[in-house]
Structures are given as C-alpha cells and as structure tokens.
Amino acid sequence: MPLRPGVHWFTPTLPVHVFDADQPGPTAVMQAGIHGDEVAGVHALQEMLEEGIAPTHGRLIVIPVMNPAGYRVRKRMPTGRLDLNRCFPGDAGSPDWEKRLARKFMDLMLDEKPALVTTLHESWKLYDPEVNPSFGQTIVYGVKPRPEIVDRTLARLNARFTGEDEQFSPQYFPVETSSTEVIVDAVGCVGLCIETWMEFGERRRITMQKAVVEYLLDDIGVRKL
C-alpha cells in the first residue's frame, strides 16, 4: 500500500518524506546517502526540504540519508558492514541490516510504482570515456536505449555549469544488484544515478545536485515551475 503523505521512518534514524500535490501526476523518488561518504546529495535534499520543496503534480518521495550508519562515519559503509547499493532486492529475513533495508525499500517501490527513481552519488574520478570506471560529472543509466530524460537534463545542466570540468556526460553502466537497476527491472520506471566530482568544493557540488533534482522533477512533470 502506498504511504500516506508525511514523514515515515524506515528505521529510527532513516526518515522518508512523502508529499502529494493537489493535481494528479506521476511519482518521483529522490534518494541520497546510500554511500555514507557521498555527502553533497544528502545536503542538497536536506536543504531542499528546508526550503519547502513540494510537488505541483503527483507525488514526491524524498529520502535524504539512505544509509545513516555510513553517513555518520563518512564512509561508503561502516567497517564490517555491507555496501547497501549492492544488496538489492534484499532479504527481509537476513541477519544483515543492509539486506533488510534493501527489501523494505524494494517493497515500497513496488507499492508506489514510481515513474522516476534517482540516486544522488559522488565520485573521486572525473569521467573519462577511456577510463573504466570513472563517474564524476555523469548521469548514469542502465538500460538501452538511453532514456530521453537524460539528454534533456544534460542539456540544461551543461547550459548552466560551464566552468572547467563541470560539464556532465551520459554514462551507460548497468549494475545488476544496485538499487536503481533492480527497481527499474521490477517496476519499469526510469532509474538514474547522478554523480558529481568530489574535487569540486562541497558548496558547488550541492548546487549541482540541487539543479539536477529540480530539472528532473520539472521534466517528469512532478514539479512544474
């Protein structure tokens, strides 16, 4: 069953913010902090919540810190724990917290049936098509043909961020056990990973991540400005 509007809790420290618009429309999910050392997306979503982000159409679900334990220690995952983004579709009966959370999140996605799921990431490696893997300044997708929303969003981003190394690129990089890939397979939605380059200052990266969220929500029709 889809969640009621408001704040829900996957765990005592993992809030899920659900907003419904007055006008009908699709559902979009924005999440960050699935890797605890990738903080710009976390701060971008937290700032947008503080600024009163809300859908004009459909439904918006925001999860600013998907992995609170990793975020607290600013590591991809705490020592001795699993990489949450490699635990999907998860297992409700697993002794591993990450697999239980992945299953809970998957069940939510099956109930909500979003049109768009976006995960905000960061990378220390600036994208270079000759270097595999390298992710910084990319929109990563895992299906072919490339979703059209990728190119439209890239055009808006690259018209705005024109400084040295700031341009974004598309990157096809499917990962079978990542949250976006498994959700796309199960729901049939668009699933994207946004990667900013961590050599930029934190404030610049937060600005970029906020822009991506705004442009994607505009494009999908959840937030028409």
Foldseek 3Di string as FASTA:
>chain_A
DADDADWDDPDPPWIKGKAAAPAAAFEEEEEEALFQQFQLQLVLLVVCVVVPDHWNYHMYIYTSHLQVQRVVVNGRHPPPADSLQQQPCADCPDPHPSRNSNVVVLVNCVVRLGQEYEYEGEFQFQDDVVDPPGAAQEKEFADPPDPPLRVVLQVVQCVPDPDPSNRHYYHHDDDCRGSQNVSCVVRVHGYIYGYHHPVDDSVVSNVSSNSSVVSSCCVSRGHPD
